[in-house]
Structures are given as C-alpha cells and as structure tokens.
Amino acid sequence: MGVTVRPAREDDAEAIAGAHVETWRDAYAGLLPQEVLDGLSRRRQMRRWRRAIRNPETELGQVFVAEAGADGIAGFGSASREAGEITTLYVRPGVQRRGIGRMLFRRMAEFLEGPVVLWVLDGNPAAGFYERLGGRPGVHATVNRWGMELGRTRYCWPAISGRARSTTRSG
C-alpha cells in the first residue's frame, strides 16, 4: 500500500470527519463517557475540519492527511506553528501499525520547524507510540471537558532537523 502525506484540501473534510469519528470511538473507548463517543457527528466534524482547512491560523493549525491509494484517507493530523504543537494525530484502526502514524508525525514535525509538543490523554495507548518516536513525557495537567476532569501529559521532542524521510512510501 503506497501512502502519501500531504496538506489537506477542502474536499478532504468529509473523509477526515469520518476518520475522526471512527478513531475517537476506537481510541477513547473506556476513557471518555460513552455518550460523548456516541454523540460524535460526522456532519459537525465535517464543518469543523472544513473550517480548519480553510483557516490554518486557527488553534488546530495546518491540517495534513495520509492518503493510502484506494483506501483513501488512512489518517490525519494537524500542527500549529504558532504553538509548536501537533494538535491532532489519528490513524484509522484498520491500518495502524503500518508506519502511517510515524509518517504523519514526521511530516508535521518538519512543518513546525522547531521543538514539538503534543498532549496525550491519560490512559491513551498511543502514549507508547509517542515514546517510541522519542517523545519525553513532561508536564501533567488536567482539563475540564464534558463536565469531567481529564488528565493529560505533554510529550516533547527537540527540533527535528532535516527533511522528513519520505512523505511517500510503497508497501
């Protein structure tokens, strides 16, 4: 399966919305209230992602997609240069462990052109993935969402120099 990581286009919003709902329901099952996950709406997410793609200066930043040939959008992420932060990074459950998350991470880290931070919800199994990428857990904080206190940890990386390996791979 060949994968290409590229900046998202407005016509990607619907596929990103579908991936958003699917990945959240998978990644946050047991971590977030089930009613939050059940209430996720592709339509609302499509509007959100379309706005983010049109306006990369928002808090989400520049949106990227990992396109996997006939499989379409396999993953997506966003990165804010202003904050030096990867604000989202998700890969569809059926195509995880194929290097797609690593490719998205590298491309967004390259885009940031400096040190990288990323927040991870407590209990999220992706924490191990970020540690394998060299991220170091740092500050722990809580955030109030959906009427509950959620713990999260900030992972940090030094500036990733040079061009990301390749934004396209064959497989």
N, C-alpha and C. Protein backbone atom coordinates (compact mmCIF):
# COMPACT_ATOMS: atom_id res chain seq x y z
N MET A 1 0.85 -1.18 0.00
CA MET A 1 0.00 0.00 0.00
C MET A 1 0.89 1.23 0.00
N GLY A 2 0.79 2.07 -1.04
CA GLY A 2 1.52 3.33 -1.07
C GLY A 2 0.78 4.39 -0.28
N VAL A 3 1.52 5.17 0.49
CA VAL A 3 0.92 6.21 1.33
C VAL A 3 1.58 7.54 1.00
N THR A 4 0.76 8.57 0.87
CA THR A 4 1.25 9.93 0.65
C THR A 4 0.72 10.82 1.75
N VAL A 5 1.60 11.56 2.40
CA VAL A 5 1.19 12.55 3.39
C VAL A 5 1.26 13.91 2.72
N ARG A 6 0.16 14.66 2.80
CA ARG A 6 0.08 15.96 2.14
C ARG A 6 -0.82 16.89 2.93
N PRO A 7 -0.71 18.21 2.66
CA PRO A 7 -1.66 19.13 3.28
C PRO A 7 -3.08 18.79 2.81
N ALA A 8 -4.02 18.90 3.73
CA ALA A 8 -5.42 18.60 3.40
C ALA A 8 -5.99 19.66 2.48
N ARG A 9 -6.94 19.22 1.66
CA ARG A 9 -7.71 20.12 0.80
C ARG A 9 -9.14 20.15 1.33
N GLU A 10 -9.86 21.17 0.95
CA GLU A 10 -11.23 21.30 1.42
C GLU A 10 -12.08 20.07 1.11
N ASP A 11 -11.83 19.45 -0.05
CA ASP A 11 -12.64 18.27 -0.40
C ASP A 11 -12.26 17.02 0.41
N ASP A 12 -11.26 17.12 1.29
CA ASP A 12 -10.92 16.03 2.20
C ASP A 12 -11.75 16.06 3.48
N ALA A 13 -12.47 17.15 3.72
CA ALA A 13 -13.14 17.35 5.01
C ALA A 13 -14.09 16.21 5.36
N GLU A 14 -14.83 15.71 4.40
CA GLU A 14 -15.79 14.63 4.69
C GLU A 14 -15.06 13.36 5.12
N ALA A 15 -14.00 13.00 4.42
CA ALA A 15 -13.23 11.80 4.78
C ALA A 15 -12.53 11.97 6.13
N ILE A 16 -12.03 13.17 6.40
CA ILE A 16 -11.40 13.44 7.69
C ILE A 16 -12.43 13.29 8.80
N ALA A 17 -13.63 13.83 8.57
CA ALA A 17 -14.70 13.73 9.57
C ALA A 17 -15.03 12.27 9.88
N GLY A 18 -15.12 11.44 8.86
CA GLY A 18 -15.39 10.02 9.08
C GLY A 18 -14.27 9.36 9.87
N ALA A 19 -13.03 9.68 9.52
CA ALA A 19 -11.88 9.13 10.23
C ALA A 19 -11.85 9.64 11.67
N HIS A 20 -12.22 10.90 11.87
CA HIS A 20 -12.25 11.49 13.21
C HIS A 20 -13.20 10.70 14.12
N VAL A 21 -14.42 10.51 13.65
CA VAL A 21 -15.42 9.79 14.45
C VAL A 21 -14.94 8.35 14.72
N GLU A 22 -14.46 7.68 13.69
CA GLU A 22 -14.00 6.29 13.83
C GLU A 22 -12.83 6.18 14.81
N THR A 23 -11.84 7.05 14.67
CA THR A 23 -10.65 6.95 15.52
C THR A 23 -10.95 7.33 16.96
N TRP A 24 -11.79 8.34 17.17
CA TRP A 24 -12.15 8.71 18.54
C TRP A 24 -12.90 7.57 19.22
N ARG A 25 -13.84 6.97 18.53
CA ARG A 25 -14.61 5.88 19.14
C ARG A 25 -13.71 4.70 19.49
N ASP A 26 -12.66 4.50 18.72
CA ASP A 26 -11.71 3.42 18.99
C ASP A 26 -10.73 3.82 20.10
N ALA A 27 -10.08 4.96 19.94
CA ALA A 27 -9.00 5.36 20.86
C ALA A 27 -9.50 5.70 22.26
N TYR A 28 -10.68 6.27 22.36
CA TYR A 28 -11.15 6.79 23.64
C TYR A 28 -12.23 5.94 24.30
N ALA A 29 -12.52 4.76 23.74
CA ALA A 29 -13.47 3.85 24.38
C ALA A 29 -12.96 3.51 25.78
N GLY A 30 -13.78 3.72 26.78
CA GLY A 30 -13.37 3.47 28.16
C GLY A 30 -12.65 4.63 28.81
N LEU A 31 -12.22 5.62 28.03
CA LEU A 31 -11.54 6.79 28.57
C LEU A 31 -12.47 7.99 28.65
N LEU A 32 -13.36 8.10 27.69
CA LEU A 32 -14.35 9.17 27.67
C LEU A 32 -15.73 8.55 27.87
N PRO A 33 -16.68 9.34 28.37
CA PRO A 33 -18.03 8.80 28.54
C PRO A 33 -18.58 8.29 27.21
N GLN A 34 -19.26 7.15 27.26
CA GLN A 34 -19.80 6.56 26.04
C GLN A 34 -20.76 7.51 25.33
N GLU A 35 -21.51 8.31 26.09
CA GLU A 35 -22.44 9.24 25.44
C GLU A 35 -21.71 10.31 24.62
N VAL A 36 -20.50 10.66 25.02
CA VAL A 36 -19.69 11.60 24.23
C VAL A 36 -19.32 10.93 22.90
N LEU A 37 -18.85 9.70 22.97
CA LEU A 37 -18.45 8.99 21.75
C LEU A 37 -19.64 8.71 20.85
N ASP A 38 -20.76 8.31 21.45
CA ASP A 38 -21.96 8.05 20.66
C ASP A 38 -22.50 9.32 20.01
N GLY A 39 -22.26 10.46 20.66
CA GLY A 39 -22.77 11.73 20.16
C GLY A 39 -21.92 12.38 19.08
N LEU A 40 -20.79 11.77 18.75
CA LEU A 40 -19.95 12.34 17.69
C LEU A 40 -20.72 12.35 16.38
N SER A 41 -20.65 13.46 15.69
CA SER A 41 -21.40 13.63 14.45
C SER A 41 -20.46 13.89 13.29
N ARG A 42 -20.57 13.07 12.26
CA ARG A 42 -19.76 13.29 11.05
C ARG A 42 -20.05 14.67 10.47
N ARG A 43 -21.31 15.06 10.48
CA ARG A 43 -21.69 16.36 9.90
C ARG A 43 -21.01 17.52 10.66
N ARG A 44 -21.06 17.49 12.00
CA ARG A 44 -20.40 18.55 12.79
C ARG A 44 -18.89 18.52 12.56
N GLN A 45 -18.33 17.30 12.56
CA GLN A 45 -16.88 17.20 12.35
C GLN A 45 -16.49 17.67 10.95
N MET A 46 -17.33 17.40 9.97
CA MET A 46 -17.03 17.86 8.61
C MET A 46 -16.97 19.39 8.59
N ARG A 47 -17.91 20.06 9.24
CA ARG A 47 -17.88 21.53 9.29
C ARG A 47 -16.62 22.01 10.01
N ARG A 48 -16.30 21.36 11.11
CA ARG A 48 -15.11 21.74 11.89
C ARG A 48 -13.84 21.61 11.04
N TRP A 49 -13.69 20.48 10.38
CA TRP A 49 -12.47 20.25 9.60
C TRP A 49 -12.42 21.13 8.36
N ARG A 50 -13.55 21.39 7.76
CA ARG A 50 -13.57 22.30 6.61
C ARG A 50 -13.11 23.70 7.04
N ARG A 51 -13.60 24.17 8.19
CA ARG A 51 -13.15 25.48 8.71
C ARG A 51 -11.65 25.47 8.98
N ALA A 52 -11.17 24.40 9.59
CA ALA A 52 -9.73 24.31 9.91
C ALA A 52 -8.88 24.31 8.65
N ILE A 53 -9.32 23.60 7.62
CA ILE A 53 -8.56 23.55 6.37
C ILE A 53 -8.54 24.92 5.71
N ARG A 54 -9.67 25.62 5.73
CA ARG A 54 -9.74 26.96 5.14
C ARG A 54 -8.92 27.98 5.92
N ASN A 55 -8.80 27.79 7.22
CA ASN A 55 -8.16 28.78 8.11
C ASN A 55 -7.07 28.13 8.94
N PRO A 56 -5.90 27.87 8.36
CA PRO A 56 -4.85 27.17 9.12
C PRO A 56 -4.28 27.97 10.29
N GLU A 57 -4.68 29.24 10.42
CA GLU A 57 -4.19 30.02 11.56
C GLU A 57 -5.02 29.77 12.82
N THR A 58 -6.06 28.93 12.74
CA THR A 58 -6.83 28.59 13.94
C THR A 58 -5.98 27.74 14.87
N GLU A 59 -6.51 27.45 16.05
CA GLU A 59 -5.73 26.69 17.04
C GLU A 59 -5.33 25.30 16.56
N LEU A 60 -6.09 24.71 15.64
CA LEU A 60 -5.70 23.40 15.11
C LEU A 60 -4.46 23.49 14.23
N GLY A 61 -4.32 24.58 13.49
CA GLY A 61 -3.17 24.76 12.61
C GLY A 61 -3.38 24.12 11.25
N GLN A 62 -2.27 23.83 10.59
CA GLN A 62 -2.29 23.23 9.26
C GLN A 62 -2.74 21.77 9.37
N VAL A 63 -3.68 21.39 8.52
CA VAL A 63 -4.21 20.02 8.54
C VAL A 63 -3.50 19.20 7.47
N PHE A 64 -3.14 17.97 7.82
CA PHE A 64 -2.48 17.03 6.91
C PHE A 64 -3.29 15.74 6.84
N VAL A 65 -3.19 15.05 5.72
CA VAL A 65 -3.82 13.74 5.58
C VAL A 65 -2.78 12.74 5.09
N ALA A 66 -3.00 11.48 5.46
CA ALA A 66 -2.23 10.36 4.92
C ALA A 66 -3.19 9.63 4.00
N GLU A 67 -2.88 9.68 2.73
CA GLU A 67 -3.73 9.08 1.71
C GLU A 67 -3.12 7.74 1.31
N ALA A 68 -3.95 6.70 1.34
CA ALA A 68 -3.45 5.34 1.08
C ALA A 68 -4.14 4.74 -0.13
N GLY A 69 -3.86 5.27 -1.30
CA GLY A 69 -4.39 4.74 -2.55
C GLY A 69 -5.89 4.54 -2.52
N ALA A 70 -6.33 3.35 -2.88
CA ALA A 70 -7.76 3.05 -2.96
C ALA A 70 -8.44 3.09 -1.60
N ASP A 71 -7.66 2.97 -0.52
CA ASP A 71 -8.24 3.03 0.83
C ASP A 71 -8.59 4.45 1.25
N GLY A 72 -8.16 5.44 0.49
CA GLY A 72 -8.49 6.83 0.80
C GLY A 72 -7.70 7.36 1.99
N ILE A 73 -8.35 8.19 2.79
CA ILE A 73 -7.69 8.82 3.93
C ILE A 73 -7.51 7.78 5.04
N ALA A 74 -6.25 7.43 5.30
CA ALA A 74 -5.92 6.44 6.32
C ALA A 74 -5.67 7.08 7.67
N GLY A 75 -5.33 8.37 7.65
CA GLY A 75 -5.05 9.09 8.88
C GLY A 75 -5.02 10.57 8.61
N PHE A 76 -4.99 11.33 9.69
CA PHE A 76 -4.95 12.79 9.55
C PHE A 76 -4.31 13.38 10.80
N GLY A 77 -3.92 14.61 10.68
CA GLY A 77 -3.35 15.31 11.82
C GLY A 77 -3.33 16.79 11.55
N SER A 78 -2.97 17.55 12.57
CA SER A 78 -2.86 18.99 12.41
C SER A 78 -1.74 19.49 13.31
N ALA A 79 -1.13 20.59 12.89
CA ALA A 79 0.01 21.14 13.61
C ALA A 79 -0.03 22.66 13.57
N SER A 80 0.18 23.27 14.73
CA SER A 80 0.17 24.72 14.86
C SER A 80 1.60 25.23 15.02
N ARG A 81 2.08 25.96 14.02
CA ARG A 81 3.43 26.54 14.12
C ARG A 81 3.49 27.53 15.27
N GLU A 82 2.43 28.31 15.43
CA GLU A 82 2.41 29.32 16.49
C GLU A 82 2.64 28.69 17.86
N ALA A 83 2.02 27.54 18.10
CA ALA A 83 2.15 26.86 19.39
C ALA A 83 3.29 25.85 19.42
N GLY A 84 3.87 25.53 18.24
CA GLY A 84 4.89 24.49 18.18
C GLY A 84 4.32 23.14 18.58
N GLU A 85 3.06 22.92 18.22
CA GLU A 85 2.33 21.76 18.73
C GLU A 85 1.66 20.96 17.62
N ILE A 86 1.78 19.65 17.73
CA ILE A 86 0.93 18.76 16.93
C ILE A 86 -0.37 18.68 17.70
N THR A 87 -1.43 19.21 17.11
CA THR A 87 -2.70 19.34 17.82
C THR A 87 -3.59 18.11 17.66
N THR A 88 -3.43 17.36 16.59
CA THR A 88 -4.15 16.09 16.41
C THR A 88 -3.28 15.15 15.60
N LEU A 89 -3.44 13.85 15.85
CA LEU A 89 -2.79 12.82 15.03
C LEU A 89 -3.57 11.52 15.25
N TYR A 90 -4.25 11.09 14.21
CA TYR A 90 -5.08 9.88 14.29
C TYR A 90 -4.91 9.04 13.04
N VAL A 91 -4.87 7.72 13.23
CA VAL A 91 -4.80 6.76 12.13
C VAL A 91 -5.95 5.78 12.31
N ARG A 92 -6.65 5.51 11.23
CA ARG A 92 -7.79 4.58 11.29
C ARG A 92 -7.35 3.24 11.89
N PRO A 93 -8.18 2.65 12.73
CA PRO A 93 -7.79 1.39 13.40
C PRO A 93 -7.37 0.28 12.44
N GLY A 94 -8.02 0.13 11.31
CA GLY A 94 -7.72 -0.96 10.39
C GLY A 94 -6.39 -0.85 9.67
N VAL A 95 -5.74 0.31 9.75
CA VAL A 95 -4.46 0.48 9.05
C VAL A 95 -3.34 0.93 10.00
N GLN A 96 -3.55 0.76 11.30
CA GLN A 96 -2.50 1.10 12.25
C GLN A 96 -1.37 0.08 12.16
N ARG A 97 -0.22 0.47 12.68
CA ARG A 97 0.99 -0.37 12.71
C ARG A 97 1.56 -0.64 11.32
N ARG A 98 1.37 0.33 10.43
CA ARG A 98 1.93 0.23 9.08
C ARG A 98 2.84 1.42 8.77
N GLY A 99 3.18 2.20 9.78
CA GLY A 99 4.07 3.34 9.59
C GLY A 99 3.36 4.64 9.24
N ILE A 100 2.04 4.62 9.15
CA ILE A 100 1.30 5.82 8.74
C ILE A 100 1.37 6.90 9.81
N GLY A 101 1.20 6.52 11.07
CA GLY A 101 1.30 7.50 12.16
C GLY A 101 2.68 8.13 12.22
N ARG A 102 3.70 7.31 12.03
CA ARG A 102 5.08 7.82 12.03
C ARG A 102 5.28 8.81 10.88
N MET A 103 4.74 8.49 9.71
CA MET A 103 4.87 9.39 8.56
C MET A 103 4.15 10.72 8.81
N LEU A 104 2.95 10.66 9.36
CA LEU A 104 2.22 11.89 9.69
C LEU A 104 3.00 12.71 10.71
N PHE A 105 3.49 12.04 11.76
CA PHE A 105 4.25 12.74 12.79
C PHE A 105 5.46 13.44 12.19
N ARG A 106 6.24 12.72 11.41
CA ARG A 106 7.46 13.30 10.83
C ARG A 106 7.13 14.50 9.94
N ARG A 107 6.10 14.38 9.13
CA ARG A 107 5.73 15.48 8.24
C ARG A 107 5.30 16.71 9.03
N MET A 108 4.52 16.51 10.08
CA MET A 108 4.07 17.65 10.88
C MET A 108 5.21 18.24 11.70
N ALA A 109 6.10 17.39 12.21
CA ALA A 109 7.26 17.90 12.95
C ALA A 109 8.14 18.73 12.03
N GLU A 110 8.31 18.28 10.80
CA GLU A 110 9.07 19.05 9.81
C GLU A 110 8.39 20.40 9.56
N PHE A 111 7.09 20.39 9.43
CA PHE A 111 6.32 21.61 9.20
C PHE A 111 6.53 22.61 10.35
N LEU A 112 6.63 22.12 11.57
CA LEU A 112 6.75 23.01 12.73
C LEU A 112 8.09 23.72 12.79
N GLU A 113 9.13 23.14 12.21
CA GLU A 113 10.46 23.78 12.14
C GLU A 113 11.02 24.16 13.51
N GLY A 114 10.84 23.33 14.49
CA GLY A 114 11.36 23.61 15.82
C GLY A 114 10.97 22.50 16.77
N PRO A 115 11.16 22.74 18.07
CA PRO A 115 10.73 21.73 19.04
C PRO A 115 9.24 21.43 18.88
N VAL A 116 8.86 20.23 19.25
CA VAL A 116 7.48 19.76 19.07
C VAL A 116 6.90 19.37 20.42
N VAL A 117 5.65 19.76 20.65
CA VAL A 117 4.91 19.26 21.80
C VAL A 117 3.61 18.65 21.31
N LEU A 118 3.09 17.74 22.11
CA LEU A 118 1.84 17.05 21.79
C LEU A 118 1.25 16.58 23.11
N TRP A 119 -0.04 16.81 23.32
CA TRP A 119 -0.72 16.39 24.55
C TRP A 119 -1.41 15.05 24.35
N VAL A 120 -1.29 14.16 25.35
CA VAL A 120 -1.86 12.81 25.29
C VAL A 120 -2.75 12.59 26.51
N LEU A 121 -3.98 12.19 26.26
CA LEU A 121 -4.94 11.90 27.32
C LEU A 121 -4.45 10.71 28.15
N ASP A 122 -4.56 10.82 29.46
CA ASP A 122 -4.18 9.71 30.35
C ASP A 122 -4.91 8.44 29.93
N GLY A 123 -4.18 7.35 29.86
CA GLY A 123 -4.77 6.07 29.51
C GLY A 123 -4.78 5.78 28.02
N ASN A 124 -4.43 6.77 27.21
CA ASN A 124 -4.43 6.58 25.76
C ASN A 124 -3.26 5.65 25.40
N PRO A 125 -3.53 4.52 24.77
CA PRO A 125 -2.44 3.61 24.41
C PRO A 125 -1.45 4.21 23.43
N ALA A 126 -1.80 5.32 22.78
CA ALA A 126 -0.86 5.97 21.85
C ALA A 126 0.35 6.54 22.57
N ALA A 127 0.30 6.66 23.90
CA ALA A 127 1.45 7.19 24.64
C ALA A 127 2.71 6.37 24.34
N GLY A 128 2.58 5.06 24.26
CA GLY A 128 3.72 4.21 23.93
C GLY A 128 4.27 4.49 22.54
N PHE A 129 3.38 4.77 21.60
CA PHE A 129 3.79 5.13 20.24
C PHE A 129 4.64 6.40 20.28
N TYR A 130 4.19 7.41 21.01
CA TYR A 130 4.93 8.67 21.07
C TYR A 130 6.27 8.49 21.76
N GLU A 131 6.33 7.63 22.76
CA GLU A 131 7.60 7.35 23.42
C GLU A 131 8.56 6.64 22.47
N ARG A 132 8.04 5.72 21.66
CA ARG A 132 8.90 5.04 20.67
C ARG A 132 9.41 6.01 19.62
N LEU A 133 8.69 7.11 19.40
CA LEU A 133 9.15 8.14 18.46
C LEU A 133 10.14 9.10 19.12
N GLY A 134 10.47 8.85 20.38
CA GLY A 134 11.45 9.69 21.07
C GLY A 134 10.84 10.78 21.92
N GLY A 135 9.52 10.81 22.04
CA GLY A 135 8.88 11.83 22.87
C GLY A 135 9.13 11.57 24.34
N ARG A 136 9.33 12.65 25.07
CA ARG A 136 9.56 12.54 26.50
C ARG A 136 8.37 13.13 27.25
N PRO A 137 7.78 12.34 28.14
CA PRO A 137 6.66 12.88 28.90
C PRO A 137 7.16 13.99 29.82
N GLY A 138 6.37 15.03 29.92
CA GLY A 138 6.74 16.17 30.75
C GLY A 138 5.59 16.57 31.66
N VAL A 139 5.14 17.78 31.48
CA VAL A 139 4.11 18.36 32.32
C VAL A 139 2.84 17.52 32.28
N HIS A 140 2.25 17.32 33.44
CA HIS A 140 0.93 16.68 33.53
C HIS A 140 -0.06 17.76 33.93
N ALA A 141 -1.21 17.78 33.29
CA ALA A 141 -2.23 18.79 33.58
C ALA A 141 -3.60 18.16 33.47
N THR A 142 -4.58 18.87 33.98
CA THR A 142 -5.96 18.43 33.80
C THR A 142 -6.71 19.49 33.01
N VAL A 143 -7.70 19.02 32.29
CA VAL A 143 -8.56 19.89 31.50
C VAL A 143 -9.99 19.46 31.78
N ASN A 144 -10.90 20.43 31.84
CA ASN A 144 -12.31 20.10 32.07
C ASN A 144 -13.01 20.02 30.73
N ARG A 145 -13.50 18.84 30.40
CA ARG A 145 -14.26 18.62 29.17
C ARG A 145 -15.46 17.75 29.51
N TRP A 146 -16.58 18.04 28.91
CA TRP A 146 -17.79 17.24 29.09
C TRP A 146 -18.14 17.09 30.57
N GLY A 147 -17.83 18.14 31.34
CA GLY A 147 -18.18 18.13 32.76
C GLY A 147 -17.32 17.23 33.62
N MET A 148 -16.17 16.84 33.12
CA MET A 148 -15.28 15.99 33.91
C MET A 148 -13.84 16.45 33.77
N GLU A 149 -13.05 16.16 34.78
CA GLU A 149 -11.62 16.47 34.75
C GLU A 149 -10.88 15.33 34.07
N LEU A 150 -10.13 15.67 33.03
CA LEU A 150 -9.36 14.67 32.29
C LEU A 150 -7.87 14.99 32.45
N GLY A 151 -7.10 13.99 32.82
CA GLY A 151 -5.66 14.17 32.92
C GLY A 151 -5.01 14.00 31.55
N ARG A 152 -3.94 14.75 31.35
CA ARG A 152 -3.20 14.62 30.10
C ARG A 152 -1.74 14.96 30.35
N THR A 153 -0.88 14.42 29.50
CA THR A 153 0.56 14.61 29.63
C THR A 153 1.09 15.24 28.35
N ARG A 154 1.98 16.20 28.53
CA ARG A 154 2.62 16.84 27.38
C ARG A 154 3.90 16.08 27.05
N TYR A 155 3.98 15.61 25.80
CA TYR A 155 5.19 14.97 25.29
C TYR A 155 5.97 16.00 24.49
N CYS A 156 7.30 15.94 24.61
CA CYS A 156 8.16 16.93 23.96
C CYS A 156 9.25 16.23 23.15
N TRP A 157 9.61 16.88 22.05
CA TRP A 157 10.71 16.46 21.18
C TRP A 157 11.55 17.69 20.87
N PRO A 158 12.86 17.51 20.74
CA PRO A 158 13.67 18.63 20.24
C PRO A 158 13.33 18.86 18.77
N ALA A 159 13.84 19.93 18.22
CA ALA A 159 13.61 20.20 16.80
C ALA A 159 14.06 18.99 15.99
N ILE A 160 13.26 18.62 15.02
CA ILE A 160 13.61 17.50 14.14
C ILE A 160 14.21 18.11 12.89
N SER A 161 15.53 17.97 12.78
CA SER A 161 16.22 18.65 11.68
C SER A 161 16.15 17.84 10.40
N GLY A 162 16.34 18.55 9.32
CA GLY A 162 16.38 17.89 8.01
C GLY A 162 15.00 17.52 7.52
N ARG A 163 14.97 17.11 6.33
CA ARG A 163 13.72 16.73 5.66
C ARG A 163 13.22 15.40 6.23
N ALA A 164 11.94 15.29 6.46
CA ALA A 164 11.37 14.00 6.88
C ALA A 164 11.76 12.97 5.83
N ARG A 165 11.97 11.76 6.26
CA ARG A 165 12.46 10.73 5.33
C ARG A 165 11.79 10.82 3.99
N SER A 166 10.62 10.38 3.88
CA SER A 166 9.89 10.48 2.62
C SER A 166 8.43 10.56 2.96
N THR A 167 7.72 11.42 2.29
CA THR A 167 6.29 11.52 2.56
C THR A 167 5.51 10.54 1.71
N THR A 168 6.20 9.76 0.92
CA THR A 168 5.54 8.72 0.13
C THR A 168 6.30 7.43 0.33
N ARG A 169 5.57 6.36 0.48
CA ARG A 169 6.25 5.07 0.55
C ARG A 169 5.40 4.05 -0.16
N SER A 170 6.06 3.05 -0.62
CA SER A 170 5.35 1.94 -1.26
C SER A 170 5.31 0.80 -0.28
N GLY A 171 4.32 -0.02 -0.39
CA GLY A 171 4.29 -1.11 0.54
C GLY A 171 3.57 -2.22 -0.05
